[in-house]
Amino acid sequence: MENDILTLAALVAAYVGVVKRFGMNEKWTHIAALLFSAIFVLIPESAQSLTIKMSVIGLTASGAYQYVKKRSDGDT
């Protein structure tokens, strides 16, 4: 269960990073994080596993995980 929570936390952070890059106001990012986490937690387990796999593959392929870590070149 702890691994699942860590995985979901990374996915939610990546999705919030994506919406920030689309111009979401900083004050709404906490609400976005809650909504993304609710999606992952409230869907049925059979769909949850598939959604997590799709998210990891899609976010990794698009480079969205760069939004989770702080870049060394000074960009945010």
Protein backbone atom coordinates (compact mmCIF):
# COMPACT_ATOMS: atom_id res chain seq x y z
CA MET A 1 0.00 0.00 0.00
CA GLU A 2 2.85 2.41 0.77
CA ASN A 3 4.28 1.96 -2.73
CA ASP A 4 0.86 2.70 -4.18
CA ILE A 5 0.64 5.93 -2.22
CA LEU A 6 4.10 7.01 -3.36
CA THR A 7 3.26 6.18 -6.96
CA LEU A 8 -0.01 8.09 -6.78
CA ALA A 9 1.70 11.07 -5.15
CA ALA A 10 4.22 11.22 -8.00
CA LEU A 11 1.45 10.95 -10.60
CA VAL A 12 -0.62 13.68 -8.98
CA ALA A 13 2.46 15.94 -8.80
CA ALA A 14 3.17 15.31 -12.48
CA TYR A 15 -0.42 16.08 -13.48
CA VAL A 16 -0.40 19.29 -11.40
CA GLY A 17 2.86 20.24 -13.13
CA VAL A 18 1.20 19.76 -16.49
CA VAL A 19 -1.79 21.96 -15.64
CA LYS A 20 0.56 24.62 -14.26
CA ARG A 21 2.38 24.68 -17.60
CA PHE A 22 -0.98 25.23 -19.29
CA GLY A 23 -1.33 28.42 -17.25
CA MET A 24 -3.36 27.42 -14.20
CA ASN A 25 -3.13 30.06 -11.51
CA GLU A 26 -0.91 28.97 -8.62
CA LYS A 27 -3.72 29.41 -6.08
CA TRP A 28 -5.77 26.66 -7.82
CA THR A 29 -3.06 24.00 -7.91
CA HIS A 30 -3.99 22.62 -4.48
CA ILE A 31 -7.55 22.08 -5.65
CA ALA A 32 -6.26 20.44 -8.84
CA ALA A 33 -4.11 18.10 -6.74
CA LEU A 34 -7.12 17.11 -4.64
CA LEU A 35 -9.20 16.48 -7.75
CA PHE A 36 -6.51 14.34 -9.39
CA SER A 37 -6.01 12.34 -6.21
CA ALA A 38 -9.79 11.85 -5.86
CA ILE A 39 -9.91 10.46 -9.39
CA PHE A 40 -7.23 7.91 -8.60
CA VAL A 41 -8.66 6.90 -5.23
CA LEU A 42 -12.38 6.84 -6.02
CA ILE A 43 -12.38 4.83 -9.24
CA PRO A 44 -12.83 1.05 -8.92
CA GLU A 45 -9.67 -0.99 -8.32
CA SER A 46 -9.85 -2.71 -11.70
CA ALA A 47 -9.88 0.66 -13.47
CA GLN A 48 -7.37 2.17 -11.04
CA SER A 49 -4.60 -0.19 -12.04
CA LEU A 50 -5.14 0.51 -15.72
CA THR A 51 -5.35 4.26 -15.12
CA ILE A 52 -2.07 4.22 -13.20
CA LYS A 53 -0.34 2.29 -15.99
CA MET A 54 -1.67 4.65 -18.65
CA SER A 55 -0.62 7.67 -16.60
CA VAL A 56 2.90 6.44 -16.00
CA ILE A 57 3.39 5.58 -19.66
CA GLY A 58 1.81 8.78 -20.98
CA LEU A 59 3.47 11.17 -18.54
CA THR A 60 6.86 9.54 -18.97
CA ALA A 61 6.63 9.56 -22.77
CA SER A 62 5.60 13.21 -22.82
CA GLY A 63 8.36 14.23 -20.44
CA ALA A 64 5.92 15.45 -17.80
CA TYR A 65 8.02 14.08 -14.96
CA GLN A 66 10.40 16.99 -15.56
CA TYR A 67 7.74 19.16 -13.87
CA VAL A 68 8.03 17.18 -10.65
CA LYS A 69 11.74 17.76 -10.11
CA LYS A 70 13.39 21.14 -9.89
CA ARG A 71 15.45 21.91 -12.95
CA SER A 72 19.03 23.04 -12.48
CA ASP A 73 18.89 25.73 -15.19
CA GLY A 74 16.74 28.00 -13.02
CA ASP A 75 13.45 27.39 -14.87
CA THR A 76 10.40 26.41 -12.85
